């Protein structure tokens, strides 16, 4: 939860975003922020990696979501995305054993097509 003086700020450090809960369309928890992807030339956040499923961090699936799909909800203290957990689980994903897949252009293309978002590139 944000402190009162933090609620008026419009920027946040990346380490404060990691671990933040992500809520689905019906406000149920569907995952948590694992990390942010940043366009190293433009300096913009392009995607958020969401960790979902699994139990106590074991067997989690990773999903890359275009950053523009998320909105921060101050009442929930987390990010909201207008999808169900089932839609998220049907989205392109990768496992802990293939972490570099998040940076692969073919994978990123499938992500942006699935979420019907114009790619940042």
N, C-alpha and C. Protein backbone atom coordinates (compact mmCIF):
# COMPACT_ATOMS: atom_id res chain seq x y z
N UNK A 1 0.84 -1.17 0.00
CA UNK A 1 0.00 0.00 0.00
C UNK A 1 0.89 1.24 0.00
N UNK A 2 0.47 2.27 -0.73
CA UNK A 2 1.25 3.49 -0.81
C UNK A 2 1.07 4.33 0.45
N UNK A 3 2.14 4.99 0.85
CA UNK A 3 2.05 5.95 1.93
C UNK A 3 1.31 7.17 1.43
N UNK A 4 0.70 7.94 2.32
CA UNK A 4 -0.08 9.11 1.93
C UNK A 4 0.72 10.08 1.06
N UNK A 5 1.97 10.38 1.44
CA UNK A 5 2.76 11.33 0.66
C UNK A 5 3.15 10.76 -0.71
N UNK A 6 3.15 9.43 -0.86
CA UNK A 6 3.48 8.82 -2.14
C UNK A 6 2.30 8.83 -3.10
N UNK A 7 1.08 8.97 -2.62
CA UNK A 7 -0.11 8.85 -3.46
C UNK A 7 -0.21 9.97 -4.49
N UNK A 8 0.45 11.08 -4.28
CA UNK A 8 0.41 12.20 -5.22
C UNK A 8 1.53 12.15 -6.25
N UNK A 9 2.43 11.21 -6.13
CA UNK A 9 3.55 11.11 -7.06
C UNK A 9 3.10 10.44 -8.35
N UNK A 10 3.71 10.86 -9.46
CA UNK A 10 3.36 10.27 -10.76
C UNK A 10 4.45 9.36 -11.30
N UNK A 11 5.56 9.24 -10.60
CA UNK A 11 6.62 8.32 -11.01
C UNK A 11 6.91 7.37 -9.86
N UNK A 12 7.50 6.23 -10.21
CA UNK A 12 7.80 5.22 -9.20
C UNK A 12 9.08 4.50 -9.61
N UNK A 13 9.86 4.08 -8.66
CA UNK A 13 11.08 3.32 -8.93
C UNK A 13 10.69 1.90 -9.35
N UNK A 14 11.46 1.34 -10.27
CA UNK A 14 11.14 0.00 -10.79
C UNK A 14 11.10 -1.06 -9.69
N UNK A 15 11.94 -0.94 -8.68
CA UNK A 15 11.94 -1.95 -7.63
C UNK A 15 10.67 -1.90 -6.79
N UNK A 16 9.94 -0.79 -6.82
CA UNK A 16 8.67 -0.68 -6.11
C UNK A 16 7.54 -1.33 -6.90
N UNK A 17 7.73 -1.48 -8.22
CA UNK A 17 6.72 -2.10 -9.08
C UNK A 17 6.83 -3.62 -9.01
N UNK A 18 8.06 -4.14 -8.96
CA UNK A 18 8.27 -5.59 -8.87
C UNK A 18 7.51 -6.15 -7.66
N UNK A 19 6.74 -7.19 -7.90
CA UNK A 19 5.99 -7.83 -6.82
C UNK A 19 4.59 -7.26 -6.61
N UNK A 20 4.26 -6.17 -7.31
CA UNK A 20 2.94 -5.58 -7.17
C UNK A 20 1.88 -6.52 -7.74
N UNK A 21 0.78 -6.64 -7.04
CA UNK A 21 -0.32 -7.51 -7.47
C UNK A 21 -0.96 -6.97 -8.73
N UNK A 22 -1.36 -7.90 -9.62
CA UNK A 22 -2.11 -7.57 -10.83
C UNK A 22 -3.48 -8.19 -10.68
N UNK A 23 -4.51 -7.36 -10.90
CA UNK A 23 -5.89 -7.78 -10.77
C UNK A 23 -6.55 -7.86 -12.13
N UNK A 24 -7.46 -8.82 -12.28
CA UNK A 24 -8.18 -9.00 -13.53
C UNK A 24 -9.45 -8.17 -13.58
N UNK A 25 -10.26 -8.44 -14.60
CA UNK A 25 -11.47 -7.68 -14.87
C UNK A 25 -12.43 -7.66 -13.69
N UNK A 26 -12.50 -8.72 -12.93
CA UNK A 26 -13.43 -8.77 -11.80
C UNK A 26 -12.75 -8.46 -10.47
N UNK A 27 -11.59 -7.83 -10.56
CA UNK A 27 -10.81 -7.40 -9.38
C UNK A 27 -10.22 -8.56 -8.58
N UNK A 28 -10.18 -9.76 -9.19
CA UNK A 28 -9.52 -10.88 -8.51
C UNK A 28 -8.04 -10.87 -8.87
N UNK A 29 -7.22 -11.30 -7.93
CA UNK A 29 -5.78 -11.36 -8.15
C UNK A 29 -5.49 -12.40 -9.24
N UNK A 30 -4.76 -11.98 -10.29
CA UNK A 30 -4.41 -12.94 -11.35
C UNK A 30 -2.90 -13.14 -11.48
N UNK A 31 -2.13 -12.41 -10.73
CA UNK A 31 -0.69 -12.57 -10.79
C UNK A 31 0.01 -11.43 -10.08
N UNK A 32 1.31 -11.34 -10.34
CA UNK A 32 2.10 -10.23 -9.77
C UNK A 32 3.15 -9.82 -10.79
N UNK A 33 3.58 -8.58 -10.66
CA UNK A 33 4.61 -8.06 -11.55
C UNK A 33 5.93 -8.74 -11.20
N UNK A 34 6.54 -9.34 -12.22
CA UNK A 34 7.84 -9.98 -12.04
C UNK A 34 8.95 -9.00 -12.41
N UNK A 35 8.78 -8.30 -13.53
CA UNK A 35 9.76 -7.29 -13.94
C UNK A 35 9.18 -6.44 -15.05
N UNK A 36 9.84 -5.33 -15.30
CA UNK A 36 9.47 -4.43 -16.40
C UNK A 36 10.47 -4.58 -17.53
N UNK A 37 9.99 -4.45 -18.76
CA UNK A 37 10.88 -4.40 -19.91
C UNK A 37 10.91 -2.96 -20.41
N UNK A 38 12.11 -2.47 -20.66
CA UNK A 38 12.30 -1.07 -21.04
C UNK A 38 13.01 -1.00 -22.39
N UNK A 39 12.48 -0.17 -23.28
CA UNK A 39 13.14 0.07 -24.56
C UNK A 39 14.41 0.85 -24.25
N UNK A 40 15.57 0.23 -24.45
CA UNK A 40 16.82 0.84 -24.01
C UNK A 40 17.20 2.08 -24.82
N UNK A 41 16.65 2.25 -25.99
CA UNK A 41 16.95 3.46 -26.78
C UNK A 41 16.03 4.62 -26.44
N UNK A 42 14.75 4.34 -26.22
CA UNK A 42 13.78 5.40 -25.94
C UNK A 42 13.56 5.63 -24.45
N UNK A 43 13.88 4.62 -23.64
CA UNK A 43 13.71 4.75 -22.20
C UNK A 43 12.29 4.54 -21.71
N UNK A 44 11.42 4.01 -22.56
CA UNK A 44 10.03 3.78 -22.17
C UNK A 44 9.82 2.35 -21.69
N UNK A 45 8.93 2.19 -20.73
CA UNK A 45 8.52 0.85 -20.34
C UNK A 45 7.66 0.32 -21.49
N UNK A 46 7.98 -0.86 -21.99
CA UNK A 46 7.23 -1.44 -23.10
C UNK A 46 6.31 -2.55 -22.64
N UNK A 47 6.78 -3.36 -21.71
CA UNK A 47 6.02 -4.53 -21.27
C UNK A 47 6.23 -4.74 -19.78
N UNK A 48 5.30 -5.48 -19.22
CA UNK A 48 5.43 -5.94 -17.85
C UNK A 48 5.36 -7.47 -17.91
N UNK A 49 6.27 -8.10 -17.22
CA UNK A 49 6.24 -9.56 -17.11
C UNK A 49 5.41 -9.89 -15.86
N UNK A 50 4.35 -10.65 -16.07
CA UNK A 50 3.49 -11.05 -14.97
C UNK A 50 3.74 -12.52 -14.67
N UNK A 51 3.91 -12.81 -13.41
CA UNK A 51 4.07 -14.18 -12.94
C UNK A 51 2.70 -14.64 -12.46
N UNK A 52 2.22 -15.77 -13.02
CA UNK A 52 0.89 -16.25 -12.66
C UNK A 52 0.90 -17.77 -12.55
N UNK A 53 -0.06 -18.28 -11.82
CA UNK A 53 -0.17 -19.72 -11.65
C UNK A 53 0.85 -20.22 -10.63
N UNK A 54 1.05 -21.48 -10.62
CA UNK A 54 2.02 -22.05 -9.70
C UNK A 54 1.57 -21.97 -8.26
N UNK A 55 2.46 -22.40 -7.38
CA UNK A 55 2.17 -22.39 -5.95
C UNK A 55 3.44 -21.99 -5.22
N UNK A 56 3.36 -20.92 -4.45
CA UNK A 56 4.51 -20.39 -3.71
C UNK A 56 5.70 -20.14 -4.63
N UNK A 57 5.42 -19.66 -5.84
CA UNK A 57 6.48 -19.33 -6.78
C UNK A 57 7.00 -20.50 -7.58
N UNK A 58 6.53 -21.70 -7.30
CA UNK A 58 6.98 -22.89 -8.03
C UNK A 58 5.99 -23.18 -9.15
N UNK A 59 6.50 -23.32 -10.35
CA UNK A 59 5.64 -23.61 -11.49
C UNK A 59 4.95 -22.40 -12.07
N UNK A 60 5.37 -21.20 -11.68
CA UNK A 60 4.78 -19.99 -12.24
C UNK A 60 5.02 -19.92 -13.73
N UNK A 61 4.03 -19.41 -14.43
CA UNK A 61 4.18 -19.09 -15.85
C UNK A 61 4.40 -17.59 -15.95
N UNK A 62 5.18 -17.20 -16.90
CA UNK A 62 5.47 -15.79 -17.12
C UNK A 62 4.73 -15.34 -18.38
N UNK A 63 4.09 -14.18 -18.29
CA UNK A 63 3.36 -13.61 -19.41
C UNK A 63 3.84 -12.18 -19.61
N UNK A 64 4.18 -11.85 -20.84
CA UNK A 64 4.55 -10.48 -21.17
C UNK A 64 3.28 -9.77 -21.62
N UNK A 65 3.00 -8.63 -21.00
CA UNK A 65 1.81 -7.85 -21.31
C UNK A 65 2.27 -6.44 -21.72
N UNK A 66 1.78 -5.91 -22.83
CA UNK A 66 2.12 -4.53 -23.17
C UNK A 66 1.73 -3.59 -22.02
N UNK A 67 2.64 -2.74 -21.64
CA UNK A 67 2.47 -1.85 -20.49
C UNK A 67 1.18 -1.06 -20.59
N UNK A 68 0.82 -0.63 -21.79
CA UNK A 68 -0.37 0.21 -21.95
C UNK A 68 -1.68 -0.50 -21.60
N UNK A 69 -1.65 -1.82 -21.44
CA UNK A 69 -2.85 -2.57 -21.07
C UNK A 69 -3.16 -2.48 -19.58
N UNK A 70 -2.19 -2.02 -18.78
CA UNK A 70 -2.37 -1.96 -17.33
C UNK A 70 -2.71 -0.56 -16.86
N UNK A 71 -3.54 -0.50 -15.85
CA UNK A 71 -3.86 0.75 -15.16
C UNK A 71 -3.62 0.53 -13.68
N UNK A 72 -3.11 1.56 -13.01
CA UNK A 72 -2.89 1.45 -11.57
C UNK A 72 -4.16 1.84 -10.83
N UNK A 73 -4.57 1.01 -9.89
CA UNK A 73 -5.77 1.27 -9.07
C UNK A 73 -5.30 1.60 -7.67
N UNK A 74 -5.49 2.86 -7.27
CA UNK A 74 -5.00 3.29 -5.96
C UNK A 74 -5.76 2.62 -4.81
N UNK A 75 -7.04 2.31 -5.01
CA UNK A 75 -7.79 1.64 -3.95
C UNK A 75 -7.32 0.21 -3.71
N UNK A 76 -6.99 -0.49 -4.80
CA UNK A 76 -6.49 -1.86 -4.67
C UNK A 76 -5.00 -1.90 -4.35
N UNK A 77 -4.29 -0.83 -4.68
CA UNK A 77 -2.85 -0.81 -4.48
C UNK A 77 -2.13 -1.74 -5.43
N UNK A 78 -2.69 -1.89 -6.65
CA UNK A 78 -2.09 -2.78 -7.64
C UNK A 78 -2.53 -2.39 -9.04
N UNK A 79 -2.04 -3.15 -10.01
CA UNK A 79 -2.35 -2.88 -11.41
C UNK A 79 -3.55 -3.70 -11.84
N UNK A 80 -4.39 -3.13 -12.68
CA UNK A 80 -5.57 -3.82 -13.20
C UNK A 80 -5.44 -3.96 -14.71
N UNK A 81 -5.93 -5.08 -15.19
CA UNK A 81 -5.99 -5.35 -16.62
C UNK A 81 -7.38 -5.93 -16.90
N UNK A 82 -7.98 -5.50 -17.97
CA UNK A 82 -9.36 -5.87 -18.26
C UNK A 82 -9.45 -7.23 -18.93
N UNK A 83 -8.96 -8.26 -18.25
CA UNK A 83 -9.03 -9.64 -18.74
C UNK A 83 -9.29 -10.56 -17.55
N UNK A 84 -9.74 -11.76 -17.85
CA UNK A 84 -9.92 -12.76 -16.80
C UNK A 84 -8.64 -13.56 -16.64
N UNK A 85 -8.56 -14.30 -15.56
CA UNK A 85 -7.40 -15.15 -15.35
C UNK A 85 -7.29 -16.18 -16.47
N UNK A 86 -8.43 -16.66 -16.96
CA UNK A 86 -8.44 -17.64 -18.05
C UNK A 86 -7.84 -17.04 -19.33
N UNK A 87 -8.21 -15.79 -19.63
CA UNK A 87 -7.64 -15.13 -20.81
C UNK A 87 -6.13 -14.96 -20.66
N UNK A 88 -5.69 -14.61 -19.46
CA UNK A 88 -4.26 -14.48 -19.22
C UNK A 88 -3.57 -15.82 -19.42
N UNK A 89 -4.16 -16.89 -18.90
CA UNK A 89 -3.52 -18.20 -19.01
C UNK A 89 -3.50 -18.72 -20.45
N UNK A 90 -4.39 -18.21 -21.31
CA UNK A 90 -4.39 -18.57 -22.73
C UNK A 90 -3.40 -17.73 -23.55
N UNK A 91 -2.87 -16.69 -22.94
CA UNK A 91 -1.95 -15.77 -23.64
C UNK A 91 -0.59 -16.42 -23.84
N UNK A 92 0.21 -15.88 -24.77
CA UNK A 92 1.58 -16.38 -24.93
C UNK A 92 2.31 -16.32 -23.58
N UNK A 93 3.13 -17.34 -23.32
CA UNK A 93 3.81 -17.42 -22.03
C UNK A 93 5.15 -18.11 -22.19
N UNK A 94 5.91 -18.07 -21.11
CA UNK A 94 7.18 -18.78 -21.06
C UNK A 94 7.42 -19.20 -19.63
N UNK A 95 8.39 -20.07 -19.42
CA UNK A 95 8.65 -20.59 -18.09
C UNK A 95 9.96 -20.04 -17.54
N UNK A 96 10.21 -20.34 -16.28
CA UNK A 96 11.47 -19.95 -15.63
C UNK A 96 12.67 -20.52 -16.37
N UNK A 97 12.49 -21.66 -17.03
CA UNK A 97 13.59 -22.32 -17.73
C UNK A 97 13.95 -21.64 -19.05
N UNK A 98 13.13 -20.73 -19.53
CA UNK A 98 13.40 -20.03 -20.79
C UNK A 98 13.22 -18.52 -20.63
N UNK A 99 13.93 -17.89 -19.69
CA UNK A 99 13.71 -16.47 -19.41
C UNK A 99 14.03 -15.54 -20.58
N UNK A 100 14.93 -15.93 -21.47
CA UNK A 100 15.28 -15.06 -22.59
C UNK A 100 14.17 -14.97 -23.63
N UNK A 101 13.19 -15.84 -23.54
CA UNK A 101 12.09 -15.81 -24.51
C UNK A 101 11.36 -14.48 -24.47
N UNK A 102 11.31 -13.83 -23.33
CA UNK A 102 10.62 -12.54 -23.21
C UNK A 102 11.19 -11.49 -24.15
N UNK A 103 12.45 -11.64 -24.53
CA UNK A 103 13.13 -10.65 -25.36
C UNK A 103 13.14 -11.03 -26.84
N UNK A 104 12.64 -12.20 -27.16
CA UNK A 104 12.63 -12.71 -28.52
C UNK A 104 11.56 -11.97 -29.34
N UNK A 105 11.93 -11.49 -30.52
CA UNK A 105 11.00 -10.71 -31.34
C UNK A 105 9.80 -11.53 -31.79
N UNK A 106 9.98 -12.82 -32.10
CA UNK A 106 8.84 -13.65 -32.49
C UNK A 106 7.85 -13.77 -31.33
N UNK A 107 8.38 -13.97 -30.14
CA UNK A 107 7.51 -14.06 -28.97
C UNK A 107 6.80 -12.72 -28.75
N UNK A 108 7.56 -11.63 -28.79
CA UNK A 108 6.96 -10.31 -28.59
C UNK A 108 5.87 -10.03 -29.63
N UNK A 109 6.10 -10.44 -30.87
CA UNK A 109 5.09 -10.26 -31.92
C UNK A 109 3.82 -11.01 -31.55
N UNK A 110 3.96 -12.24 -31.07
CA UNK A 110 2.77 -13.01 -30.68
C UNK A 110 2.04 -12.36 -29.51
N UNK A 111 2.78 -11.75 -28.60
CA UNK A 111 2.18 -11.05 -27.46
C UNK A 111 1.35 -9.87 -27.94
N UNK A 112 1.93 -9.04 -28.78
CA UNK A 112 1.23 -7.84 -29.25
C UNK A 112 0.05 -8.19 -30.13
N UNK A 113 0.15 -9.28 -30.88
CA UNK A 113 -0.99 -9.74 -31.68
C UNK A 113 -2.11 -10.25 -30.77
N UNK A 114 -1.75 -11.04 -29.77
CA UNK A 114 -2.75 -11.59 -28.85
C UNK A 114 -3.52 -10.48 -28.14
N UNK A 115 -2.80 -9.48 -27.66
CA UNK A 115 -3.42 -8.39 -26.90
C UNK A 115 -3.95 -7.28 -27.81
N UNK A 116 -3.82 -7.45 -29.13
CA UNK A 116 -4.27 -6.46 -30.13
C UNK A 116 -3.79 -5.05 -29.81
N UNK A 117 -2.48 -4.96 -29.61
CA UNK A 117 -1.82 -3.69 -29.33
C UNK A 117 -0.77 -3.47 -30.42
N UNK A 118 -0.66 -2.24 -30.91
CA UNK A 118 0.35 -1.91 -31.90
C UNK A 118 1.73 -2.04 -31.25
N UNK A 119 2.63 -2.82 -31.86
CA UNK A 119 3.97 -2.99 -31.28
C UNK A 119 4.72 -1.66 -31.15
N UNK A 120 5.54 -1.57 -30.13
CA UNK A 120 6.33 -0.36 -29.90
C UNK A 120 7.44 -0.19 -30.92
N UNK A 121 7.82 -1.26 -31.59
CA UNK A 121 8.89 -1.17 -32.55
C UNK A 121 8.34 -0.81 -33.90
